[in-house]
C-alpha atoms as a PDB file:
ATOM      1  CA  UNK A   1       1.796 -27.556  18.465  1.00  0.00           C
ATOM      2  CA  UNK A   2       5.221 -26.572  17.103  1.00  0.00           C
ATOM      3  CA  UNK A   3       5.489 -29.900  15.259  1.00  0.00           C
ATOM      4  CA  UNK A   4       2.035 -29.352  13.675  1.00  0.00           C
ATOM      5  CA  UNK A   5       2.989 -25.829  12.571  1.00  0.00           C
ATOM      6  CA  UNK A   6       6.184 -27.123  11.070  1.00  0.00           C
ATOM      7  CA  UNK A   7       4.396 -29.797   9.128  1.00  0.00           C
ATOM      8  CA  UNK A   8       1.863 -27.284   7.854  1.00  0.00           C
ATOM      9  CA  UNK A   9       4.625 -24.888   6.824  1.00  0.00           C
ATOM     10  CA  UNK A  10       6.445 -27.691   4.975  1.00  0.00           C
ATOM     11  CA  UNK A  11       3.261 -28.780   3.282  1.00  0.00           C
ATOM     12  CA  UNK A  12       2.509 -25.218   2.078  1.00  0.00           C
ATOM     13  CA  UNK A  13       6.143 -24.709   0.931  1.00  0.00           C
ATOM     14  CA  UNK A  14       5.986 -28.057  -0.925  1.00  0.00           C
ATOM     15  CA  UNK A  15       2.637 -27.087  -2.544  1.00  0.00           C
ATOM     16  CA  UNK A  16       4.001 -23.677  -3.676  1.00  0.00           C
ATOM     17  CA  UNK A  17       7.234 -25.219  -4.906  1.00  0.00           C
ATOM     18  CA  UNK A  18       5.294 -27.786  -6.921  1.00  0.00           C
ATOM     19  CA  UNK A  19       3.185 -25.016  -8.494  1.00  0.00           C
ATOM     20  CA  UNK A  20       6.433 -23.152  -9.320  1.00  0.00           C
ATOM     21  CA  UNK A  21       7.833 -26.180 -11.021  1.00  0.00           C
ATOM     22  CA  UNK A  22       4.757 -26.616 -13.125  1.00  0.00           C
ATOM     23  CA  UNK A  23       4.700 -22.984 -14.075  1.00  0.00           C
ATOM     24  CA  UNK A  24       8.432 -23.038 -14.878  1.00  0.00           C
ATOM     25  CA  UNK A  25       7.948 -25.991 -17.124  1.00  0.00           C
ATOM     26  CA  UNK A  26       5.378 -24.125 -19.136  1.00  0.00           C
ATOM     27  CA  UNK A  27       7.556 -21.083 -19.735  1.00  0.00           C
ATOM     28  CA  UNK A  28       9.814 -20.889 -22.775  1.00  0.00           C
ATOM     29  CA  UNK A  29      13.477 -21.095 -21.819  1.00  0.00           C
ATOM     30  CA  UNK A  30      15.647 -18.088 -22.036  1.00  0.00           C
ATOM     31  CA  UNK A  31      13.058 -15.361 -21.376  1.00  0.00           C
ATOM     32  CA  UNK A  32      13.599 -12.922 -18.440  1.00  0.00           C
ATOM     33  CA  UNK A  33      11.803 -13.891 -15.230  1.00  0.00           C
ATOM     34  CA  UNK A  34      10.264 -11.327 -12.911  1.00  0.00           C
ATOM     35  CA  UNK A  35       9.318 -12.313  -9.391  1.00  0.00           C
ATOM     36  CA  UNK A  36       6.473 -10.432  -7.782  1.00  0.00           C
ATOM     37  CA  UNK A  37       6.046 -10.349  -4.047  1.00  0.00           C
ATOM     38  CA  UNK A  38       3.047  -8.668  -2.331  1.00  0.00           C
ATOM     39  CA  UNK A  39       1.610  -8.488   1.119  1.00  0.00           C
ATOM     40  CA  UNK A  40      -1.907  -8.611  -0.379  1.00  0.00           C
ATOM     41  CA  UNK A  41      -4.033 -11.726  -1.022  1.00  0.00           C
ATOM     42  CA  UNK A  42      -3.777 -13.108  -4.517  1.00  0.00           C
ATOM     43  CA  UNK A  43      -7.295 -11.703  -5.457  1.00  0.00           C
ATOM     44  CA  UNK A  44      -6.498  -8.128  -4.229  1.00  0.00           C
ATOM     45  CA  UNK A  45      -2.981  -8.253  -5.735  1.00  0.00           C
ATOM     46  CA  UNK A  46      -4.237  -9.220  -9.062  1.00  0.00           C
ATOM     47  CA  UNK A  47      -6.157  -5.938  -9.384  1.00  0.00           C
ATOM     48  CA  UNK A  48      -3.419  -3.866  -7.777  1.00  0.00           C
ATOM     49  CA  UNK A  49      -0.861  -5.253 -10.151  1.00  0.00           C
ATOM     50  CA  UNK A  50      -2.795  -4.516 -13.294  1.00  0.00           C
ATOM     51  CA  UNK A  51      -1.014  -1.124 -13.833  1.00  0.00           C
ATOM     52  CA  UNK A  52       2.376  -2.869 -13.592  1.00  0.00           C
ATOM     53  CA  UNK A  53       1.434  -5.577 -16.165  1.00  0.00           C
ATOM     54  CA  UNK A  54      -0.105  -2.907 -18.486  1.00  0.00           C
ATOM     55  CA  UNK A  55       2.974  -0.766 -18.053  1.00  0.00           C
ATOM     56  CA  UNK A  56       5.203  -3.639 -19.141  1.00  0.00           C
ATOM     57  CA  UNK A  57       2.847  -4.341 -22.106  1.00  0.00           C
ATOM     58  CA  UNK A  58       3.239  -0.703 -23.203  1.00  0.00           C
ATOM     59  CA  UNK A  59       6.978  -1.273 -23.130  1.00  0.00           C
ATOM     60  CA  UNK A  60       6.754  -4.229 -25.389  1.00  0.00           C
ATOM     61  CA  UNK A  61       6.535  -7.158 -22.968  1.00  0.00           C
ATOM     62  CA  UNK A  62       4.181 -10.026 -23.534  1.00  0.00           C
ATOM     63  CA  UNK A  63       3.843 -12.739 -20.856  1.00  0.00           C
ATOM     64  CA  UNK A  64       5.038 -16.110 -22.064  1.00  0.00           C
ATOM     65  CA  UNK A  65       6.700 -14.518 -25.108  1.00  0.00           C
ATOM     66  CA  UNK A  66       9.441 -12.293 -23.968  1.00  0.00           C
ATOM     67  CA  UNK A  67       8.733 -12.162 -20.101  1.00  0.00           C
ATOM     68  CA  UNK A  68       7.605 -14.584 -17.392  1.00  0.00           C
ATOM     69  CA  UNK A  69       6.236 -13.867 -13.948  1.00  0.00           C
ATOM     70  CA  UNK A  70       6.429 -15.716 -10.622  1.00  0.00           C
ATOM     71  CA  UNK A  71       3.959 -14.569  -7.974  1.00  0.00           C
ATOM     72  CA  UNK A  72       3.874 -14.942  -4.212  1.00  0.00           C
ATOM     73  CA  UNK A  73       1.234 -13.281  -2.004  1.00  0.00           C
ATOM     74  CA  UNK A  74       1.252 -13.180   1.829  1.00  0.00           C
ATOM     75  CA  UNK A  75      -2.405 -12.235   2.401  1.00  0.00           C
ATOM     76  CA  UNK A  76      -1.372  -9.857   5.190  1.00  0.00           C
ATOM     77  CA  UNK A  77       0.521 -12.619   6.993  1.00  0.00           C
ATOM     78  CA  UNK A  78       3.693 -10.570   7.079  1.00  0.00           C
ATOM     79  CA  UNK A  79       5.614 -13.183   9.006  1.00  0.00           C
ATOM     80  CA  UNK A  80       5.653 -15.486   5.927  1.00  0.00           C
ATOM     81  CA  UNK A  81       6.950 -12.860   3.582  1.00  0.00           C
ATOM     82  CA  UNK A  82      10.663 -13.801   4.096  1.00  0.00           C
ATOM     83  CA  UNK A  83       9.942 -17.474   3.242  1.00  0.00           C
ATOM     84  CA  UNK A  84       7.937 -16.368   0.160  1.00  0.00           C
ATOM     85  CA  UNK A  85      10.830 -14.082  -0.870  1.00  0.00           C
ATOM     86  CA  UNK A  86      13.248 -16.975  -0.532  1.00  0.00           C
ATOM     87  CA  UNK A  87      11.059 -19.034  -2.806  1.00  0.00           C
ATOM     88  CA  UNK A  88      11.160 -16.349  -5.360  1.00  0.00           C
ATOM     89  CA  UNK A  89      14.948 -16.103  -5.174  1.00  0.00           C
ATOM     90  CA  UNK A  90      14.920 -19.840  -5.834  1.00  0.00           C
ATOM     91  CA  UNK A  91      13.208 -19.352  -9.186  1.00  0.00           C
ATOM     92  CA  UNK A  92      16.234 -17.262 -10.243  1.00  0.00           C
ATOM     93  CA  UNK A  93      14.448 -14.120 -11.400  1.00  0.00           C
ATOM     94  CA  UNK A  94      16.280 -11.355 -13.143  1.00  0.00           C
ATOM     95  CA  UNK A  95      14.409  -8.826 -10.966  1.00  0.00           C
ATOM     96  CA  UNK A  96      11.960  -8.871  -8.135  1.00  0.00           C
ATOM     97  CA  UNK A  97       9.070  -6.495  -7.786  1.00  0.00           C
ATOM     98  CA  UNK A  98       8.030  -5.946  -4.099  1.00  0.00           C
ATOM     99  CA  UNK A  99       4.605  -4.379  -3.482  1.00  0.00           C
ATOM    100  CA  UNK A 100       4.579  -2.701  -0.041  1.00  0.00           C
ATOM    101  CA  UNK A 101       7.159  -1.997   2.613  1.00  0.00           C
ATOM    102  CA  UNK A 102       7.035  -5.344   4.357  1.00  0.00           C
ATOM    103  CA  UNK A 103       7.424  -7.131   1.047  1.00  0.00           C
ATOM    104  CA  UNK A 104      10.434  -5.027   0.097  1.00  0.00           C
ATOM    105  CA  UNK A 105      12.038  -5.539   3.515  1.00  0.00           C
ATOM    106  CA  UNK A 106      11.562  -9.373   3.163  1.00  0.00           C
ATOM    107  CA  UNK A 107      13.006  -9.374  -0.357  1.00  0.00           C
ATOM    108  CA  UNK A 108      16.018  -7.336   0.838  1.00  0.00           C
ATOM    109  CA  UNK A 109      16.593  -9.875   3.671  1.00  0.00           C
ATOM    110  CA  UNK A 110      17.021 -12.825   1.356  1.00  0.00           C
ATOM    111  CA  UNK A 111      19.093 -11.362  -1.509  1.00  0.00           C
ATOM    112  CA  UNK A 112      21.778  -8.678  -1.953  1.00  0.00           C
ATOM    113  CA  UNK A 113      22.403  -9.550  -5.643  1.00  0.00           C
ATOM    114  CA  UNK A 114      19.036  -9.763  -7.427  1.00  0.00           C
ATOM    115  CA  UNK A 115      17.703  -6.306  -8.281  1.00  0.00           C
ATOM    116  CA  UNK A 116      14.529  -5.328  -6.293  1.00  0.00           C
ATOM    117  CA  UNK A 117      12.093  -2.769  -7.655  1.00  0.00           C
ATOM    118  CA  UNK A 118       9.617  -1.673  -4.906  1.00  0.00           C
ATOM    119  CA  UNK A 119       6.320   0.144  -5.221  1.00  0.00           C
ATOM    120  CA  UNK A 120       3.798   1.423  -2.688  1.00  0.00           C
ATOM    121  CA  UNK A 121       6.473   2.061  -0.132  1.00  0.00           C
ATOM    122  CA  UNK A 122       5.847   4.953   2.234  1.00  0.00           C
ATOM    123  CA  UNK A 123       9.360   5.833   3.508  1.00  0.00           C
ATOM    124  CA  UNK A 124      12.134   3.720   1.840  1.00  0.00           C
ATOM    125  CA  UNK A 125      14.953   5.539   3.667  1.00  0.00           C
ATOM    126  CA  UNK A 126      13.328   5.561   7.105  1.00  0.00           C
ATOM    127  CA  UNK A 127      12.443   1.888   6.831  1.00  0.00           C
ATOM    128  CA  UNK A 128      16.001   1.004   5.997  1.00  0.00           C
ATOM    129  CA  UNK A 129      15.513  -0.134   2.453  1.00  0.00           C
ATOM    130  CA  UNK A 130      17.947   2.316   0.854  1.00  0.00           C
ATOM    131  CA  UNK A 131      20.611   4.814   1.721  1.00  0.00           C
ATOM    132  CA  UNK A 132      19.056   7.789   0.012  1.00  0.00           C
ATOM    133  CA  UNK A 133      16.471   8.671  -2.552  1.00  0.00           C
ATOM    134  CA  UNK A 134      18.957  10.016  -5.091  1.00  0.00           C
ATOM    135  CA  UNK A 135      21.550   7.318  -4.493  1.00  0.00           C
ATOM    136  CA  UNK A 136      19.802   4.140  -3.285  1.00  0.00           C
ATOM    137  CA  UNK A 137      22.935   1.992  -3.277  1.00  0.00           C
ATOM    138  CA  UNK A 138      22.654  -1.789  -2.934  1.00  0.00           C
ATOM    139  CA  UNK A 139      20.194  -3.711  -5.054  1.00  0.00           C
ATOM    140  CA  UNK A 140      16.861  -1.796  -4.418  1.00  0.00           C
ATOM    141  CA  UNK A 141      15.165   1.110  -6.068  1.00  0.00           C
ATOM    142  CA  UNK A 142      11.654   2.003  -7.130  1.00  0.00           C
ATOM    143  CA  UNK A 143       8.619   4.105  -6.329  1.00  0.00           C
ATOM    144  CA  UNK A 144       8.202   5.932  -3.074  1.00  0.00           C
ATOM    145  CA  UNK A 145       5.012   7.391  -1.579  1.00  0.00           C
ATOM    146  CA  UNK A 146       7.076   9.779   0.462  1.00  0.00           C
ATOM    147  CA  UNK A 147       6.951  13.365  -0.467  1.00  0.00           C
ATOM    148  CA  UNK A 148       8.198  16.712   0.974  1.00  0.00           C
ATOM    149  CA  UNK A 149       4.525  17.581   1.221  1.00  0.00           C
ATOM    150  CA  UNK A 150       3.163  16.833   4.669  1.00  0.00           C
ATOM    151  CA  UNK A 151       0.203  14.687   3.490  1.00  0.00           C
ATOM    152  CA  UNK A 152      -0.959  13.741   7.017  1.00  0.00           C
ATOM    153  CA  UNK A 153      -1.305  17.445   8.040  1.00  0.00           C
ATOM    154  CA  UNK A 154      -3.133  18.207   4.698  1.00  0.00           C
ATOM    155  CA  UNK A 155      -5.538  15.306   5.190  1.00  0.00           C
ATOM    156  CA  UNK A 156      -6.427  16.466   8.673  1.00  0.00           C
ATOM    157  CA  UNK A 157      -6.836  20.079   7.582  1.00  0.00           C
ATOM    158  CA  UNK A 158      -9.140  19.094   4.704  1.00  0.00           C
ATOM    159  CA  UNK A 159     -11.295  16.796   6.968  1.00  0.00           C
ATOM    160  CA  UNK A 160     -11.758  19.508   9.572  1.00  0.00           C
ATOM    161  CA  UNK A 161     -12.599  22.102   6.894  1.00  0.00           C
ATOM    162  CA  UNK A 162     -15.231  19.651   5.722  1.00  0.00           C
ATOM    163  CA  UNK A 163     -16.479  18.895   9.281  1.00  0.00           C
ATOM    164  CA  UNK A 164     -15.768  22.199  11.140  1.00  0.00           C
ATOM    165  CA  UNK A 165     -17.627  21.130  14.317  1.00  0.00           C
ATOM    166  CA  UNK A 166     -15.323  18.156  14.935  1.00  0.00           C
ATOM    167  CA  UNK A 167     -13.081  18.623  18.021  1.00  0.00           C
ATOM    168  CA  UNK A 168     -12.179  14.989  18.484  1.00  0.00           C
ATOM    169  CA  UNK A 169     -10.882  12.866  15.593  1.00  0.00           C
ATOM    170  CA  UNK A 170     -10.499   9.146  15.618  1.00  0.00           C
ATOM    171  CA  UNK A 171      -7.373   7.619  14.039  1.00  0.00           C
ATOM    172  CA  UNK A 172      -7.210   4.043  12.727  1.00  0.00           C
ATOM    173  CA  UNK A 173      -3.588   2.853  12.383  1.00  0.00           C
ATOM    174  CA  UNK A 174      -1.099   0.048  13.211  1.00  0.00           C
ATOM    175  CA  UNK A 175       2.133   0.892  15.105  1.00  0.00           C
ATOM    176  CA  UNK A 176       3.810  -2.312  13.802  1.00  0.00           C
ATOM    177  CA  UNK A 177       3.516  -0.967  10.293  1.00  0.00           C
ATOM    178  CA  UNK A 178       6.628   1.141   9.872  1.00  0.00           C
ATOM    179  CA  UNK A 179       5.196   3.563   7.272  1.00  0.00           C
ATOM    180  CA  UNK A 180       2.217   4.414   9.509  1.00  0.00           C
ATOM    181  CA  UNK A 181       4.408   5.452  12.404  1.00  0.00           C
ATOM    182  CA  UNK A 182       5.735   8.490  10.694  1.00  0.00           C
ATOM    183  CA  UNK A 183       2.228   9.350   9.380  1.00  0.00           C
ATOM    184  CA  UNK A 184       0.798   9.120  12.851  1.00  0.00           C
ATOM    185  CA  UNK A 185       3.469  11.424  14.330  1.00  0.00           C
ATOM    186  CA  UNK A 186       2.692  13.941  11.542  1.00  0.00           C
ATOM    187  CA  UNK A 187      -1.048  13.664  12.344  1.00  0.00           C
ATOM    188  CA  UNK A 188      -0.422  14.265  15.982  1.00  0.00           C
ATOM    189  CA  UNK A 189       1.674  17.363  15.184  1.00  0.00           C
ATOM    190  CA  UNK A 190      -1.138  18.650  12.907  1.00  0.00           C
ATOM    191  CA  UNK A 191      -3.767  18.029  15.469  1.00  0.00           C
ATOM    192  CA  UNK A 192      -1.854  20.071  18.086  1.00  0.00           C
ATOM    193  CA  UNK A 193      -1.551  22.999  15.680  1.00  0.00           C
ATOM    194  CA  UNK A 194      -5.319  22.783  14.858  1.00  0.00           C
ATOM    195  CA  UNK A 195      -6.135  22.364  18.660  1.00  0.00           C
ATOM    196  CA  UNK A 196      -7.838  19.012  17.998  1.00  0.00           C
ATOM    197  CA  UNK A 197      -7.998  15.966  20.232  1.00  0.00           C
ATOM    198  CA  UNK A 198      -7.027  12.633  18.538  1.00  0.00           C
ATOM    199  CA  UNK A 199      -8.607   9.277  19.618  1.00  0.00           C
ATOM    200  CA  UNK A 200      -6.166   6.707  18.115  1.00  0.00           C
ATOM    201  CA  UNK A 201      -6.996   3.016  17.922  1.00  0.00           C
ATOM    202  CA  UNK A 202      -4.743   0.306  16.574  1.00  0.00           C
ATOM    203  CA  UNK A 203      -5.769  -2.384  14.174  1.00  0.00           C
ATOM    204  CA  UNK A 204      -3.269  -5.197  13.693  1.00  0.00           C
ATOM    205  CA  UNK A 205      -5.590  -7.945  12.371  1.00  0.00           C
ATOM    206  CA  UNK A 206      -8.825  -8.083  10.435  1.00  0.00           C
ATOM    207  CA  UNK A 207     -10.596  -9.167  13.679  1.00  0.00           C
ATOM    208  CA  UNK A 208      -9.594  -5.878  15.381  1.00  0.00           C
ATOM    209  CA  UNK A 209     -11.713  -3.735  12.940  1.00  0.00           C
ATOM    210  CA  UNK A 210     -15.169  -3.934  14.645  1.00  0.00           C
ATOM    211  CA  UNK A 211     -13.782  -3.469  18.252  1.00  0.00           C
ATOM    212  CA  UNK A 212     -11.738  -0.525  16.889  1.00  0.00           C
ATOM    213  CA  UNK A 213     -14.805   1.250  15.514  1.00  0.00           C
ATOM    214  CA  UNK A 214     -16.750   0.486  18.662  1.00  0.00           C
ATOM    215  CA  UNK A 215     -13.972   2.147  20.689  1.00  0.00           C
ATOM    216  CA  UNK A 216     -13.891   5.197  18.481  1.00  0.00           C
ATOM    217  CA  UNK A 217     -17.637   5.818  18.626  1.00  0.00           C
ATOM    218  CA  UNK A 218     -17.608   5.165  22.354  1.00  0.00           C
ATOM    219  CA  UNK A 219     -15.082   8.031  22.712  1.00  0.00           C
ATOM    220  CA  UNK A 220     -17.469  10.219  20.683  1.00  0.00           C
ATOM    221  CA  UNK A 221     -15.176  11.068  17.814  1.00  0.00           C
ATOM    222  CA  UNK A 222     -16.819  13.272  15.299  1.00  0.00           C
ATOM    223  CA  UNK A 223     -14.661  12.385  12.368  1.00  0.00           C
ATOM    224  CA  UNK A 224     -12.096   9.791  11.296  1.00  0.00           C
ATOM    225  CA  UNK A 225      -8.664   9.512   9.725  1.00  0.00           C
ATOM    226  CA  UNK A 226      -7.613   6.158   8.336  1.00  0.00           C
ATOM    227  CA  UNK A 227      -3.831   5.881   7.954  1.00  0.00           C
ATOM    228  CA  UNK A 228      -2.081   3.867   5.206  1.00  0.00           C
ATOM    229  CA  UNK A 229      -2.028   0.206   6.339  1.00  0.00           C
ATOM    230  CA  UNK A 230      -2.367  -2.869   4.266  1.00  0.00           C
ATOM    231  CA  UNK A 231      -4.961  -4.423   6.489  1.00  0.00           C
ATOM    232  CA  UNK A 232      -7.326  -1.595   5.684  1.00  0.00           C
ATOM    233  CA  UNK A 233      -7.013  -1.934   1.884  1.00  0.00           C
ATOM    234  CA  UNK A 234      -7.291  -5.670   2.097  1.00  0.00           C
ATOM    235  CA  UNK A 235     -10.632  -5.122   3.954  1.00  0.00           C
ATOM    236  CA  UNK A 236     -11.692  -2.005   2.021  1.00  0.00           C
ATOM    237  CA  UNK A 237     -15.407  -2.642   1.688  1.00  0.00           C
ATOM    238  CA  UNK A 238     -15.675  -3.698   5.317  1.00  0.00           C
ATOM    239  CA  UNK A 239     -13.845  -0.598   6.535  1.00  0.00           C
ATOM    240  CA  UNK A 240     -16.120   1.617   4.409  1.00  0.00           C
ATOM    241  CA  UNK A 241     -19.242  -0.253   5.734  1.00  0.00           C
ATOM    242  CA  UNK A 242     -18.117   0.077   9.307  1.00  0.00           C
ATOM    243  CA  UNK A 243     -17.514   3.803   8.766  1.00  0.00           C
ATOM    244  CA  UNK A 244     -20.927   4.293   7.412  1.00  0.00           C
ATOM    245  CA  UNK A 245     -22.625   2.384  10.280  1.00  0.00           C
ATOM    246  CA  UNK A 246     -20.706   4.570  12.794  1.00  0.00           C
ATOM    247  CA  UNK A 247     -21.784   7.608  10.811  1.00  0.00           C
ATOM    248  CA  UNK A 248     -18.249   8.985  10.765  1.00  0.00           C
ATOM    249  CA  UNK A 249     -17.042  11.485   8.136  1.00  0.00           C
ATOM    250  CA  UNK A 250     -13.809   9.924   7.180  1.00  0.00           C
ATOM    251  CA  UNK A 251     -10.549  10.830   5.303  1.00  0.00           C
ATOM    252  CA  UNK A 252      -8.839   7.977   3.575  1.00  0.00           C
ATOM    253  CA  UNK A 253      -5.382   7.436   2.098  1.00  0.00           C
ATOM    254  CA  UNK A 254      -6.525   6.008  -1.209  1.00  0.00           C
ATOM    255  CA  UNK A 255      -9.320   7.073  -3.610  1.00  0.00           C
ATOM    256  CA  UNK A 256     -10.593   3.464  -3.863  1.00  0.00           C
ATOM    257  CA  UNK A 257     -12.140   3.916  -0.406  1.00  0.00           C
ATOM    258  CA  UNK A 258     -14.179   6.926  -1.797  1.00  0.00           C
ATOM    259  CA  UNK A 259     -15.190   5.013  -4.885  1.00  0.00           C
ATOM    260  CA  UNK A 260     -16.516   2.315  -2.511  1.00  0.00           C
ATOM    261  CA  UNK A 261     -18.544   4.822  -0.397  1.00  0.00           C
ATOM    262  CA  UNK A 262     -16.082   6.651   1.832  1.00  0.00           C
ATOM    263  CA  UNK A 263     -16.370  10.428   2.193  1.00  0.00           C
ATOM    264  CA  UNK A 264     -13.031  11.731   0.968  1.00  0.00           C
ATOM    265  CA  UNK A 265      -9.389  10.983   0.186  1.00  0.00           C
ATOM    266  CA  UNK A 266      -6.316  13.100  -0.446  1.00  0.00           C
ATOM    267  CA  UNK A 267      -3.592  10.925  -1.861  1.00  0.00           C
ATOM    268  CA  UNK A 268      -1.073  10.162  -4.513  1.00  0.00           C
ATOM    269  CA  UNK A 269      -2.259   8.092  -7.496  1.00  0.00           C
ATOM    270  CA  UNK A 270      -1.483   4.555  -6.335  1.00  0.00           C
ATOM    271  CA  UNK A 271      -2.036   2.759  -9.641  1.00  0.00           C
ATOM    272  CA  UNK A 272       0.298   5.311 -11.344  1.00  0.00           C
ATOM    273  CA  UNK A 273       2.902   4.577  -8.564  1.00  0.00           C
ATOM    274  CA  UNK A 274       2.744   0.921  -9.336  1.00  0.00           C
ATOM    275  CA  UNK A 275       2.691   1.427 -13.164  1.00  0.00           C
ATOM    276  CA  UNK A 276       5.847   3.444 -13.024  1.00  0.00           C
ATOM    277  CA  UNK A 277       7.672   0.440 -11.515  1.00  0.00           C
ATOM    278  CA  UNK A 278       7.397  -1.158 -15.026  1.00  0.00           C
ATOM    279  CA  UNK A 279       9.812   1.529 -16.339  1.00  0.00           C
ATOM    280  CA  UNK A 280      12.345   0.536 -13.739  1.00  0.00           C
ATOM    281  CA  UNK A 281      11.906  -3.232 -14.450  1.00  0.00           C
ATOM    282  CA  UNK A 282      12.500  -2.499 -18.128  1.00  0.00           C
ATOM    283  CA  UNK A 283      15.665  -0.522 -17.379  1.00  0.00           C
ATOM    284  CA  UNK A 284      17.056  -3.241 -15.236  1.00  0.00           C
ATOM    285  CA  UNK A 285      16.255  -5.959 -17.751  1.00  0.00           C
ATOM    286  CA  UNK A 286      18.125  -3.822 -20.244  1.00  0.00           C
ATOM    287  CA  UNK A 287      21.239  -3.698 -18.084  1.00  0.00           C
ATOM    288  CA  UNK A 288      20.765  -0.805 -15.620  1.00  0.00           C
ATOM    289  CA  UNK A 289      21.801  -1.201 -12.015  1.00  0.00           C
ATOM    290  CA  UNK A 290      19.337  -0.618  -9.176  1.00  0.00           C
ATOM    291  CA  UNK A 291      21.948   1.346  -7.247  1.00  0.00           C
ATOM    292  CA  UNK A 292      22.137   3.907 -10.130  1.00  0.00           C
ATOM    293  CA  UNK A 293      18.448   4.536 -10.492  1.00  0.00           C
ATOM    294  CA  UNK A 294      17.154   7.303  -8.188  1.00  0.00           C
ATOM    295  CA  UNK A 295      13.956   6.494  -6.295  1.00  0.00           C
ATOM    296  CA  UNK A 296      10.956   8.285  -7.855  1.00  0.00           C
ATOM    297  CA  UNK A 297       8.639  10.382  -5.646  1.00  0.00           C
ATOM    298  CA  UNK A 298       5.027  11.352  -6.341  1.00  0.00           C
ATOM    299  CA  UNK A 299       4.373  14.840  -7.709  1.00  0.00           C
ATOM    300  CA  UNK A 300       0.593  14.827  -8.035  1.00  0.00           C
ATOM    301  CA  UNK A 301      -2.046  14.517  -5.340  1.00  0.00           C
ATOM    302  CA  UNK A 302      -5.787  14.114  -5.795  1.00  0.00           C
ATOM    303  CA  UNK A 303      -8.613  15.230  -3.585  1.00  0.00           C
ATOM    304  CA  UNK A 304     -11.700  13.066  -4.171  1.00  0.00           C
ATOM    305  CA  UNK A 305     -15.098  13.638  -2.456  1.00  0.00           C
ATOM    306  CA  UNK A 306     -18.196  11.540  -2.437  1.00  0.00           C
ATOM    307  CA  UNK A 307     -21.277  13.765  -2.131  1.00  0.00           C
ATOM    308  CA  UNK A 308     -23.607  10.790  -1.936  1.00  0.00           C
ATOM    309  CA  UNK A 309     -21.848   9.863   1.269  1.00  0.00           C
ATOM    310  CA  UNK A 310     -21.916  13.467   2.557  1.00  0.00           C
ATOM    311  CA  UNK A 311     -25.718  13.506   1.990  1.00  0.00           C
ATOM    312  CA  UNK A 312     -26.180  10.217   3.821  1.00  0.00           C
ATOM    313  CA  UNK A 313     -24.227  11.648   6.765  1.00  0.00           C
ATOM    314  CA  UNK A 314     -26.230  14.911   6.693  1.00  0.00           C
ATOM    315  CA  UNK A 315     -23.058  16.797   5.891  1.00  0.00           C
ATOM    316  CA  UNK A 316     -22.858  19.903   3.652  1.00  0.00           C
ATOM    317  CA  UNK A 317     -19.379  19.990   2.199  1.00  0.00           C
ATOM    318  CA  UNK A 318     -18.199  23.591   1.994  1.00  0.00           C
ATOM    319  CA  UNK A 319     -17.841  25.036  -1.501  1.00  0.00           C
ATOM    320  CA  UNK A 320     -14.229  25.940  -0.682  1.00  0.00           C
ATOM    321  CA  UNK A 321     -13.463  22.251  -0.431  1.00  0.00           C
ATOM    322  CA  UNK A 322     -15.504  21.271  -3.449  1.00  0.00           C
ATOM    323  CA  UNK A 323     -13.666  23.867  -5.581  1.00  0.00           C
ATOM    324  CA  UNK A 324     -10.336  22.265  -4.646  1.00  0.00           C
ATOM    325  CA  UNK A 325     -11.442  18.720  -5.436  1.00  0.00           C
ATOM    326  CA  UNK A 326      -9.934  16.897  -8.418  1.00  0.00           C
ATOM    327  CA  UNK A 327     -13.125  14.756  -8.595  1.00  0.00           C
ATOM    328  CA  UNK A 328     -16.545  14.896  -7.006  1.00  0.00           C
ATOM    329  CA  UNK A 329     -18.701  11.841  -7.031  1.00  0.00           C
ATOM    330  CA  UNK A 330     -22.427  12.761  -7.182  1.00  0.00           C
END
C-alpha cells in the first residue's frame, strides 16, 4: 500500500511539474512571477481568486505581459499543501499568495525568504503565522479575518433574535481547523450568556456532512450555526440543501451561502479581503518587505437575510433584524 501511494504521489508530482514547465515556457522572460496556493479545488478557487486578479489589473498588471501566475490547489486535501507549496517555491516566484490558513502555514513551512501574502486567514497570530498584526516579522503579511469584534457572539445573538423559540442550537465545525477552534470557544461563551444549549457536530470530510445533519436533527436542534471551515464552502450548495431538508434556520459565515438559499449571514466581505491582497502583492513587487507591512483587519461587516428561505421555513423575521440588515433577498 505504501509503495502504491508513493508511486501515485510521484506520478502526480511529475504531472504537475510537467505542466509547470510548459506554462513557464509560455511566459515571457523577466516578468515577475506570483505563486498562488489555495486549499480549494481549482474550480472553486478560480471564482474565489477573481477579486485578486481584478485588483492586480486595477493596479496595472496584465497576465502574460507584466505578471505571470503559478497555481496550486489542494482540493481540501490539506496534507498535500506542503508539497504543493514546495513546488511553487521551485518555480522561483517573487511572491506567494496563500489563500486560507492551512495554505499559509504550508507556504511558511517551505520558505523563510520568499514573501508570502495571505488572505482569508482567521487568526494569523494564534495560528503561528506572524508575531503580531502591527509587526508581522519574517516573510509573511496580508489580510486577516480576525477583528476585535466578537463575530461568533454577534452571529449567535442575531440568529436567536430571528428564531426566539430556539433553546438548542446545532453547530457545524471542525476542531482540526485552527481558525474554527477560537470561533467555537467564542460561540460556547456566547451560548452560556444567552442560556442556550449547543449541539456541536464535527465535519472533517465531505462524507461527514449527511451524518452530521442527521445527528443535529436527532438532537432536536431548533437552529444552526455553521462555523468558518473550508469544507463547508467547498460544498456550499450541498450544505445549503441539507440545511433546507433539515428545516433548520441557519446562520452562515459567508454571504454566498445566503445567496444560494441559506437564511442569514453576518460576515466580513470575503471578496474584498482577497482583493486587498493585490495591494500587498504590488507593494512587495515594488520593493517593500513583508515584515514591514502591518496585517490588515476587516472594518465592515454585512448582515444578509434571505426572506424566501424564511418563508419556506415558516419563519417571520422580526422587523428589528430586518432594519439592521445590509441586504434583504426577497
